[in-house]
Amino acid sequence: SSGINAEWPLRPGSLNGWLDNDHILITEQVGIRTLITKINLIYGYKDHIQLDSHPLEKEFSFKVLDLRRSNLLFRFQSIAPVNSTYCHGIGMVNVKNTNSLQLLTKPLVPNPTINVTISEYERDGRICNYILITPTTSTAFSKTLVVNIHGGPSHSSSHVFDKLTHNLVAVGFSVIYVNYTGSLNLDRDTNLDLFGRLGDIDVKDVHFIVNKIVLDHSYHKAVVYGRSYGGFLSAHLIGQYPDFYSAAVLKNPLIDIPTFNTTTDIP
């Protein structure tokens, strides 16, 4: 039910996740968060690095930055944590003694006007999920929903701090992230359904929940933003539902089909 996302070279030496001859540490997507996972290369089993009831444990996503001997340098971040004065930062811990946790950055108080809703939804038998970030105060932009679509498609939107999202919500916009069929944090069977159906079921996944959120929250406008494959989906959304979306921002979108036809790794 989760995917493994290693973001640095898996080889002995500096700036990598080799813990010893038999184990590596990687960043793994687990549900809506990213966690640090130890993998035994001999027997294949894995477990997550636990921070022994530290306030960071339940509310944050983590990413491996560096590992020297047993000392792990990691990044932690959250959209809007409830029980912490941090939104994001850098920490260090000895993985053999997780009580040794040190926070290397000063606290950054989260924006107090942000509400976060994380939920699942079902469409055609597939379970997808979304993250909805809303302000608690009204402005001229309060009835506009920004749909932020991740790229990939084998990527995902996670419970992480995002400066653009915080800035949008700070002036009154609501922002929704949708993990559609093909997203890394969904189960394998769901993601296999995307093969040969790009621009179809993933587009419908996004529009299905956006339409529901717009109706439930009485938004007047929905605008869509996406980069790379997210731009591809954004183009499809405004093309397939031209009367629904008021505007679109496409950042280096995958829409030049002749160019990408022989080079893309998207199935």
C-alpha atoms as a PDB file:
ATOM      1  CA  SER A   1       0.000   0.000   0.000  1.00  0.00           C
ATOM      2  CA  SER A   2       3.001   2.327  -0.148  1.00  0.00           C
ATOM      3  CA  GLY A   3       5.772   3.174  -2.571  1.00  0.00           C
ATOM      4  CA  ILE A   4       9.499   3.546  -2.024  1.00  0.00           C
ATOM      5  CA  ASN A   5      11.104   6.777  -3.151  1.00  0.00           C
ATOM      6  CA  ALA A   6      14.900   6.866  -2.912  1.00  0.00           C
ATOM      7  CA  GLU A   7      16.204  10.301  -3.835  1.00  0.00           C
ATOM      8  CA  TRP A   8      19.984   9.870  -3.700  1.00  0.00           C
ATOM      9  CA  PRO A   9      22.609   7.320  -4.853  1.00  0.00           C
ATOM     10  CA  LEU A  10      22.518   3.960  -3.103  1.00  0.00           C
ATOM     11  CA  ARG A  11      26.243   3.331  -2.936  1.00  0.00           C
ATOM     12  CA  PRO A  12      28.878   3.277  -0.180  1.00  0.00           C
ATOM     13  CA  GLY A  13      30.544   6.557   0.667  1.00  0.00           C
ATOM     14  CA  SER A  14      29.552  10.079   1.607  1.00  0.00           C
ATOM     15  CA  LEU A  15      26.085  11.653   1.195  1.00  0.00           C
ATOM     16  CA  ASN A  16      24.095   8.449   1.014  1.00  0.00           C
ATOM     17  CA  GLY A  17      21.952   6.171   3.146  1.00  0.00           C
ATOM     18  CA  TRP A  18      24.260   3.221   3.880  1.00  0.00           C
ATOM     19  CA  LEU A  19      23.907   2.483   7.604  1.00  0.00           C
ATOM     20  CA  ASP A  20      26.173  -0.567   7.543  1.00  0.00           C
ATOM     21  CA  ASN A  21      27.005  -3.416   5.159  1.00  0.00           C
ATOM     22  CA  ASP A  22      23.488  -4.846   5.438  1.00  0.00           C
ATOM     23  CA  HIS A  23      21.175  -1.822   5.855  1.00  0.00           C
ATOM     24  CA  ILE A  24      20.271   1.368   4.043  1.00  0.00           C
ATOM     25  CA  LEU A  25      18.037   4.287   5.009  1.00  0.00           C
ATOM     26  CA  ILE A  26      15.672   5.778   2.459  1.00  0.00           C
ATOM     27  CA  THR A  27      12.792   8.239   2.268  1.00  0.00           C
ATOM     28  CA  GLU A  28       9.569   6.278   1.783  1.00  0.00           C
ATOM     29  CA  GLN A  29       6.089   7.489   0.912  1.00  0.00           C
ATOM     30  CA  VAL A  30       3.693   6.008   3.479  1.00  0.00           C
ATOM     31  CA  GLY A  31       0.150   7.201   3.050  1.00  0.00           C
ATOM     32  CA  ILE A  32       0.014  10.983   3.098  1.00  0.00           C
ATOM     33  CA  ARG A  33       3.440  11.347   4.783  1.00  0.00           C
ATOM     34  CA  THR A  34       7.051  10.529   3.934  1.00  0.00           C
ATOM     35  CA  LEU A  35       8.959   8.541   6.552  1.00  0.00           C
ATOM     36  CA  ILE A  36      12.529   7.338   7.001  1.00  0.00           C
ATOM     37  CA  THR A  37      12.750   3.599   6.424  1.00  0.00           C
ATOM     38  CA  LYS A  38      15.554   1.166   7.236  1.00  0.00           C
ATOM     39  CA  ILE A  39      15.836  -1.715   4.761  1.00  0.00           C
ATOM     40  CA  ASN A  40      17.731  -4.931   5.417  1.00  0.00           C
ATOM     41  CA  LEU A  41      19.376  -5.799   2.088  1.00  0.00           C
ATOM     42  CA  ILE A  42      20.025  -9.405   3.091  1.00  0.00           C
ATOM     43  CA  TYR A  43      16.547 -10.477   4.163  1.00  0.00           C
ATOM     44  CA  GLY A  44      14.468  -7.734   2.538  1.00  0.00           C
ATOM     45  CA  TYR A  45      12.489  -6.630   5.581  1.00  0.00           C
ATOM     46  CA  LYS A  46      12.058  -2.985   6.558  1.00  0.00           C
ATOM     47  CA  ASP A  47      10.968  -0.821   9.460  1.00  0.00           C
ATOM     48  CA  HIS A  48      10.542   2.898  10.105  1.00  0.00           C
ATOM     49  CA  ILE A  49      12.837   5.010  12.246  1.00  0.00           C
ATOM     50  CA  GLN A  50      10.796   5.964  15.328  1.00  0.00           C
ATOM     51  CA  LEU A  51      11.421   9.112  17.369  1.00  0.00           C
ATOM     52  CA  ASP A  52      10.189   7.658  20.672  1.00  0.00           C
ATOM     53  CA  SER A  53       7.033   9.731  21.258  1.00  0.00           C
ATOM     54  CA  HIS A  54       8.685  13.009  20.242  1.00  0.00           C
ATOM     55  CA  PRO A  55       6.097  15.624  19.102  1.00  0.00           C
ATOM     56  CA  LEU A  56       7.516  15.414  15.580  1.00  0.00           C
ATOM     57  CA  GLU A  57       6.653  11.727  15.267  1.00  0.00           C
ATOM     58  CA  LYS A  58       2.938  11.871  14.410  1.00  0.00           C
ATOM     59  CA  GLU A  59       2.515  15.166  12.557  1.00  0.00           C
ATOM     60  CA  PHE A  60       5.518  15.522  10.276  1.00  0.00           C
ATOM     61  CA  SER A  61       6.969  14.120   7.090  1.00  0.00           C
ATOM     62  CA  PHE A  62      10.662  13.259   7.031  1.00  0.00           C
ATOM     63  CA  LYS A  63      13.380  13.081   4.407  1.00  0.00           C
ATOM     64  CA  VAL A  64      16.917  11.682   4.572  1.00  0.00           C
ATOM     65  CA  LEU A  65      19.549  14.349   3.894  1.00  0.00           C
ATOM     66  CA  ASP A  66      22.780  12.644   4.940  1.00  0.00           C
ATOM     67  CA  LEU A  67      24.075   9.774   7.043  1.00  0.00           C
ATOM     68  CA  ARG A  68      27.520   9.679   8.654  1.00  0.00           C
ATOM     69  CA  ARG A  69      28.143   6.491  10.611  1.00  0.00           C
ATOM     70  CA  SER A  70      24.945   6.284  12.701  1.00  0.00           C
ATOM     71  CA  ASN A  71      24.192  10.008  12.732  1.00  0.00           C
ATOM     72  CA  LEU A  72      21.254  10.832  10.492  1.00  0.00           C
ATOM     73  CA  LEU A  73      20.677  14.353   9.205  1.00  0.00           C
ATOM     74  CA  PHE A  74      17.058  14.750   8.131  1.00  0.00           C
ATOM     75  CA  ARG A  75      14.490  17.321   7.100  1.00  0.00           C
ATOM     76  CA  PHE A  76      11.105  17.445   8.802  1.00  0.00           C
ATOM     77  CA  GLN A  77       8.069  19.395   7.629  1.00  0.00           C
ATOM     78  CA  SER A  78       4.314  19.645   7.994  1.00  0.00           C
ATOM     79  CA  ILE A  79       1.533  21.690   6.400  1.00  0.00           C
ATOM     80  CA  ALA A  80       0.313  23.043   9.727  1.00  0.00           C
ATOM     81  CA  PRO A  81       1.188  20.973  12.813  1.00  0.00           C
ATOM     82  CA  VAL A  82      -1.060  21.216  15.850  1.00  0.00           C
ATOM     83  CA  ASN A  83       1.324  20.279  18.663  1.00  0.00           C
ATOM     84  CA  SER A  84       4.511  22.018  17.557  1.00  0.00           C
ATOM     85  CA  THR A  85       5.913  25.490  16.957  1.00  0.00           C
ATOM     86  CA  TYR A  86       7.697  24.194  13.860  1.00  0.00           C
ATOM     87  CA  CYS A  87       6.480  24.018  10.260  1.00  0.00           C
ATOM     88  CA  HIS A  88       9.739  22.653   8.896  1.00  0.00           C
ATOM     89  CA  GLY A  89      13.380  22.367   9.796  1.00  0.00           C
ATOM     90  CA  ILE A  90      16.500  20.235  10.034  1.00  0.00           C
ATOM     91  CA  GLY A  91      17.199  17.638  12.695  1.00  0.00           C
ATOM     92  CA  MET A  92      19.869  15.119  13.645  1.00  0.00           C
ATOM     93  CA  VAL A  93      19.515  11.824  15.459  1.00  0.00           C
ATOM     94  CA  ASN A  94      21.630   8.773  16.152  1.00  0.00           C
ATOM     95  CA  VAL A  95      19.572   5.957  14.621  1.00  0.00           C
ATOM     96  CA  LYS A  96      20.827   3.564  17.294  1.00  0.00           C
ATOM     97  CA  ASN A  97      19.602   5.888  20.060  1.00  0.00           C
ATOM     98  CA  THR A  98      16.602   7.927  18.912  1.00  0.00           C
ATOM     99  CA  ASN A  99      16.448   9.725  22.285  1.00  0.00           C
ATOM    100  CA  SER A 100      19.462  11.693  20.999  1.00  0.00           C
ATOM    101  CA  LEU A 101      17.308  13.841  18.673  1.00  0.00           C
ATOM    102  CA  GLN A 102      18.574  17.403  18.130  1.00  0.00           C
ATOM    103  CA  LEU A 103      16.646  20.133  16.291  1.00  0.00           C
ATOM    104  CA  LEU A 104      19.133  22.277  14.371  1.00  0.00           C
ATOM    105  CA  THR A 105      16.751  25.053  13.276  1.00  0.00           C
ATOM    106  CA  LYS A 106      14.780  27.661  15.190  1.00  0.00           C
ATOM    107  CA  PRO A 107      11.003  27.262  15.556  1.00  0.00           C
ATOM    108  CA  LEU A 108       8.832  28.732  12.821  1.00  0.00           C
ATOM    109  CA  VAL A 109       5.331  29.318  14.124  1.00  0.00           C
ATOM    110  CA  PRO A 110       2.715  28.019  11.656  1.00  0.00           C
ATOM    111  CA  ASN A 111       0.167  30.333  10.129  1.00  0.00           C
ATOM    112  CA  PRO A 112      -2.674  30.226  12.713  1.00  0.00           C
ATOM    113  CA  THR A 113      -5.327  30.916  10.066  1.00  0.00           C
ATOM    114  CA  ILE A 114      -4.842  27.577   8.287  1.00  0.00           C
ATOM    115  CA  ASN A 115      -7.125  24.555   8.573  1.00  0.00           C
ATOM    116  CA  VAL A 116      -6.086  21.218   7.091  1.00  0.00           C
ATOM    117  CA  THR A 117      -8.436  18.397   6.088  1.00  0.00           C
ATOM    118  CA  ILE A 118      -7.012  15.061   4.908  1.00  0.00           C
ATOM    119  CA  SER A 119      -9.514  12.563   3.593  1.00  0.00           C
ATOM    120  CA  GLU A 120     -10.077   9.626   1.245  1.00  0.00           C
ATOM    121  CA  TYR A 121     -12.724   9.254  -1.423  1.00  0.00           C
ATOM    122  CA  GLU A 122     -13.899   6.455  -3.687  1.00  0.00           C
ATOM    123  CA  ARG A 123     -14.558   6.637  -7.415  1.00  0.00           C
ATOM    124  CA  ASP A 124     -15.351   3.573  -9.531  1.00  0.00           C
ATOM    125  CA  GLY A 125     -14.043   1.260  -6.819  1.00  0.00           C
ATOM    126  CA  ARG A 126     -10.688   3.037  -6.470  1.00  0.00           C
ATOM    127  CA  ILE A 127      -9.668   4.774  -3.239  1.00  0.00           C
ATOM    128  CA  CYS A 128      -7.871   8.093  -3.717  1.00  0.00           C
ATOM    129  CA  ASN A 129      -7.188  10.910  -1.244  1.00  0.00           C
ATOM    130  CA  TYR A 130      -6.853  14.662  -1.003  1.00  0.00           C
ATOM    131  CA  ILE A 131      -5.517  17.425   1.231  1.00  0.00           C
ATOM    132  CA  LEU A 132      -7.652  20.569   1.592  1.00  0.00           C
ATOM    133  CA  ILE A 133      -6.069  23.671   3.141  1.00  0.00           C
ATOM    134  CA  THR A 134      -8.431  26.526   3.996  1.00  0.00           C
ATOM    135  CA  PRO A 135      -8.174  29.882   5.802  1.00  0.00           C
ATOM    136  CA  THR A 136     -10.258  30.652   8.858  1.00  0.00           C
ATOM    137  CA  THR A 137     -10.782  34.312   7.956  1.00  0.00           C
ATOM    138  CA  SER A 138     -12.689  35.686   4.960  1.00  0.00           C
ATOM    139  CA  THR A 139     -11.167  37.860   2.225  1.00  0.00           C
ATOM    140  CA  ALA A 140     -12.044  38.773  -1.345  1.00  0.00           C
ATOM    141  CA  PHE A 141     -10.478  35.445  -2.445  1.00  0.00           C
ATOM    142  CA  SER A 142     -12.264  33.173   0.049  1.00  0.00           C
ATOM    143  CA  LYS A 143     -14.639  31.735  -2.549  1.00  0.00           C
ATOM    144  CA  THR A 144     -11.846  30.646  -4.898  1.00  0.00           C
ATOM    145  CA  LEU A 145     -10.385  27.133  -4.779  1.00  0.00           C
ATOM    146  CA  VAL A 146      -6.888  26.528  -6.166  1.00  0.00           C
ATOM    147  CA  VAL A 147      -6.385  22.966  -7.420  1.00  0.00           C
ATOM    148  CA  ASN A 148      -2.675  22.076  -7.172  1.00  0.00           C
ATOM    149  CA  ILE A 149      -1.912  18.892  -9.134  1.00  0.00           C
ATOM    150  CA  HIS A 150       1.323  16.987  -8.591  1.00  0.00           C
ATOM    151  CA  GLY A 151       3.443  15.669 -11.456  1.00  0.00           C
ATOM    152  CA  GLY A 152       4.688  12.201 -12.154  1.00  0.00           C
ATOM    153  CA  PRO A 153       2.227  10.596 -12.332  1.00  0.00           C
ATOM    154  CA  SER A 154       4.249   8.330 -10.014  1.00  0.00           C
ATOM    155  CA  HIS A 155       4.629  11.085  -7.448  1.00  0.00           C
ATOM    156  CA  SER A 156       2.236  12.301  -4.743  1.00  0.00           C
ATOM    157  CA  SER A 157       1.129  15.254  -2.666  1.00  0.00           C
ATOM    158  CA  SER A 158       2.230  14.787   0.936  1.00  0.00           C
ATOM    159  CA  HIS A 159       1.781  16.350   4.347  1.00  0.00           C
ATOM    160  CA  VAL A 160       4.667  18.799   3.858  1.00  0.00           C
ATOM    161  CA  PHE A 161       5.256  22.515   4.223  1.00  0.00           C
ATOM    162  CA  ASP A 162       4.801  24.478   0.994  1.00  0.00           C
ATOM    163  CA  LYS A 163       5.538  28.199   0.807  1.00  0.00           C
ATOM    164  CA  LEU A 164       3.264  28.825  -2.187  1.00  0.00           C
ATOM    165  CA  THR A 165       0.332  27.158  -0.441  1.00  0.00           C
ATOM    166  CA  HIS A 166       0.874  29.125   2.760  1.00  0.00           C
ATOM    167  CA  ASN A 167       1.062  32.391   0.806  1.00  0.00           C
ATOM    168  CA  LEU A 168      -2.139  31.600  -1.097  1.00  0.00           C
ATOM    169  CA  VAL A 169      -4.035  30.667   2.047  1.00  0.00           C
ATOM    170  CA  ALA A 170      -2.662  33.695   3.885  1.00  0.00           C
ATOM    171  CA  VAL A 171      -4.450  36.023   1.435  1.00  0.00           C
ATOM    172  CA  GLY A 172      -7.658  33.996   1.518  1.00  0.00           C
ATOM    173  CA  PHE A 173      -7.507  31.281  -1.152  1.00  0.00           C
ATOM    174  CA  SER A 174      -8.248  27.639  -0.398  1.00  0.00           C
ATOM    175  CA  VAL A 175      -5.902  25.017  -1.864  1.00  0.00           C
ATOM    176  CA  ILE A 176      -6.595  21.363  -2.602  1.00  0.00           C
ATOM    177  CA  TYR A 177      -4.070  18.645  -3.459  1.00  0.00           C
ATOM    178  CA  VAL A 178      -5.525  15.536  -5.076  1.00  0.00           C
ATOM    179  CA  ASN A 179      -3.754  12.184  -5.147  1.00  0.00           C
ATOM    180  CA  TYR A 180      -5.325  10.642  -8.224  1.00  0.00           C
ATOM    181  CA  THR A 181      -4.951   7.150  -9.711  1.00  0.00           C
ATOM    182  CA  GLY A 182      -1.217   6.727 -10.375  1.00  0.00           C
ATOM    183  CA  SER A 183      -0.078   8.613  -7.258  1.00  0.00           C
ATOM    184  CA  LEU A 184       2.747   7.016  -5.303  1.00  0.00           C
ATOM    185  CA  ASN A 185       0.842   6.853  -2.011  1.00  0.00           C
ATOM    186  CA  LEU A 186      -2.014   4.740  -3.408  1.00  0.00           C
ATOM    187  CA  ASP A 187      -2.031   0.954  -3.584  1.00  0.00           C
ATOM    188  CA  ARG A 188      -0.494  -0.930  -6.496  1.00  0.00           C
ATOM    189  CA  ASP A 189      -3.750  -2.297  -7.907  1.00  0.00           C
ATOM    190  CA  THR A 190      -5.227   1.192  -8.064  1.00  0.00           C
ATOM    191  CA  ASN A 191      -2.189   2.558  -9.865  1.00  0.00           C
ATOM    192  CA  LEU A 192      -2.138  -0.255 -12.417  1.00  0.00           C
ATOM    193  CA  ASP A 193      -5.556   0.965 -13.574  1.00  0.00           C
ATOM    194  CA  LEU A 194      -3.858   4.050 -15.040  1.00  0.00           C
ATOM    195  CA  PHE A 195      -1.938   2.106 -17.702  1.00  0.00           C
ATOM    196  CA  GLY A 196      -3.256   3.038 -21.126  1.00  0.00           C
ATOM    197  CA  ARG A 197      -5.794   5.478 -19.662  1.00  0.00           C
ATOM    198  CA  LEU A 198      -3.748   8.646 -19.155  1.00  0.00           C
ATOM    199  CA  GLY A 199      -5.786  11.806 -19.435  1.00  0.00           C
ATOM    200  CA  ASP A 200      -8.917   9.829 -18.667  1.00  0.00           C
ATOM    201  CA  ILE A 201      -9.356   8.270 -15.224  1.00  0.00           C
ATOM    202  CA  ASP A 202      -6.759  10.515 -13.556  1.00  0.00           C
ATOM    203  CA  VAL A 203      -8.504  13.614 -14.908  1.00  0.00           C
ATOM    204  CA  LYS A 204     -11.868  12.275 -13.746  1.00  0.00           C
ATOM    205  CA  ASP A 205     -10.428  11.459 -10.299  1.00  0.00           C
ATOM    206  CA  VAL A 206      -9.334  15.066  -9.844  1.00  0.00           C
ATOM    207  CA  HIS A 207     -12.519  16.614 -11.196  1.00  0.00           C
ATOM    208  CA  PHE A 208     -14.755  14.285  -9.187  1.00  0.00           C
ATOM    209  CA  ILE A 209     -13.468  15.454  -5.802  1.00  0.00           C
ATOM    210  CA  VAL A 210     -12.933  19.086  -6.865  1.00  0.00           C
ATOM    211  CA  ASN A 211     -16.545  19.285  -8.012  1.00  0.00           C
ATOM    212  CA  LYS A 212     -17.708  17.818  -4.684  1.00  0.00           C
ATOM    213  CA  ILE A 213     -15.572  20.244  -2.649  1.00  0.00           C
ATOM    214  CA  VAL A 214     -16.805  23.213  -4.695  1.00  0.00           C
ATOM    215  CA  LEU A 215     -20.419  22.222  -4.036  1.00  0.00           C
ATOM    216  CA  ASP A 216     -19.909  21.375  -0.360  1.00  0.00           C
ATOM    217  CA  HIS A 217     -18.054  24.624   0.411  1.00  0.00           C
ATOM    218  CA  SER A 218     -19.966  26.888  -2.022  1.00  0.00           C
ATOM    219  CA  TYR A 219     -16.872  28.064  -3.895  1.00  0.00           C
ATOM    220  CA  HIS A 220     -17.578  30.465  -6.768  1.00  0.00           C
ATOM    221  CA  LYS A 221     -14.429  29.683  -8.752  1.00  0.00           C
ATOM    222  CA  ALA A 222     -11.966  26.835  -9.228  1.00  0.00           C
ATOM    223  CA  VAL A 223      -8.576  27.466 -10.799  1.00  0.00           C
ATOM    224  CA  VAL A 224      -6.059  24.763 -11.619  1.00  0.00           C
ATOM    225  CA  TYR A 225      -2.268  24.710 -11.351  1.00  0.00           C
ATOM    226  CA  GLY A 226       0.125  21.954 -12.353  1.00  0.00           C
ATOM    227  CA  ARG A 227       3.731  21.310 -13.298  1.00  0.00           C
ATOM    228  CA  SER A 228       5.025  18.670 -15.736  1.00  0.00           C
ATOM    229  CA  TYR A 229       2.468  15.829 -15.655  1.00  0.00           C
ATOM    230  CA  GLY A 230       0.376  18.052 -13.402  1.00  0.00           C
ATOM    231  CA  GLY A 231       0.379  20.548 -16.265  1.00  0.00           C
ATOM    232  CA  PHE A 232      -0.741  17.761 -18.584  1.00  0.00           C
ATOM    233  CA  LEU A 233      -3.707  17.050 -16.305  1.00  0.00           C
ATOM    234  CA  SER A 234      -4.436  20.761 -15.923  1.00  0.00           C
ATOM    235  CA  ALA A 235      -4.649  21.112 -19.698  1.00  0.00           C
ATOM    236  CA  HIS A 236      -7.046  18.167 -19.830  1.00  0.00           C
ATOM    237  CA  LEU A 237      -9.195  19.608 -17.051  1.00  0.00           C
ATOM    238  CA  ILE A 238      -9.717  22.966 -18.728  1.00  0.00           C
ATOM    239  CA  GLY A 239     -10.243  21.189 -22.056  1.00  0.00           C
ATOM    240  CA  GLN A 240     -12.699  18.586 -20.787  1.00  0.00           C
ATOM    241  CA  TYR A 241     -14.509  20.923 -18.367  1.00  0.00           C
ATOM    242  CA  PRO A 242     -14.152  24.400 -19.954  1.00  0.00           C
ATOM    243  CA  ASP A 243     -17.166  25.864 -18.155  1.00  0.00           C
ATOM    244  CA  PHE A 244     -16.048  24.695 -14.716  1.00  0.00           C
ATOM    245  CA  TYR A 245     -12.486  25.997 -14.304  1.00  0.00           C
ATOM    246  CA  SER A 246     -12.011  29.767 -14.394  1.00  0.00           C
ATOM    247  CA  ALA A 247      -8.264  29.810 -15.029  1.00  0.00           C
ATOM    248  CA  ALA A 248      -5.239  27.529 -15.367  1.00  0.00           C
ATOM    249  CA  VAL A 249      -1.500  27.854 -14.795  1.00  0.00           C
ATOM    250  CA  LEU A 250       0.582  25.244 -16.641  1.00  0.00           C
ATOM    251  CA  LYS A 251       4.261  25.087 -15.675  1.00  0.00           C
ATOM    252  CA  ASN A 252       6.469  23.219 -18.193  1.00  0.00           C
ATOM    253  CA  PRO A 253       3.496  20.963 -18.998  1.00  0.00           C
ATOM    254  CA  LEU A 254       3.780  17.676 -20.840  1.00  0.00           C
ATOM    255  CA  ILE A 255       1.606  18.687 -23.785  1.00  0.00           C
ATOM    256  CA  ASP A 256       3.983  18.545 -26.770  1.00  0.00           C
ATOM    257  CA  ILE A 257       3.025  14.986 -27.687  1.00  0.00           C
ATOM    258  CA  PRO A 258       5.265  14.626 -30.807  1.00  0.00           C
ATOM    259  CA  THR A 259       8.327  15.617 -28.769  1.00  0.00           C
ATOM    260  CA  PHE A 260       7.625  13.385 -25.789  1.00  0.00           C
ATOM    261  CA  ASN A 261       6.200  10.415 -27.661  1.00  0.00           C
ATOM    262  CA  THR A 262       9.562   8.653 -28.057  1.00  0.00           C
ATOM    263  CA  THR A 263      11.234   9.849 -24.827  1.00  0.00           C
ATOM    264  CA  THR A 264       8.625   9.669 -22.063  1.00  0.00           C
ATOM    265  CA  ASP A 265       8.672   6.955 -19.392  1.00  0.00           C
ATOM    266  CA  ILE A 266       4.960   7.427 -18.680  1.00  0.00           C
ATOM    267  CA  PRO A 267       3.014   4.276 -19.662  1.00  0.00           C
END
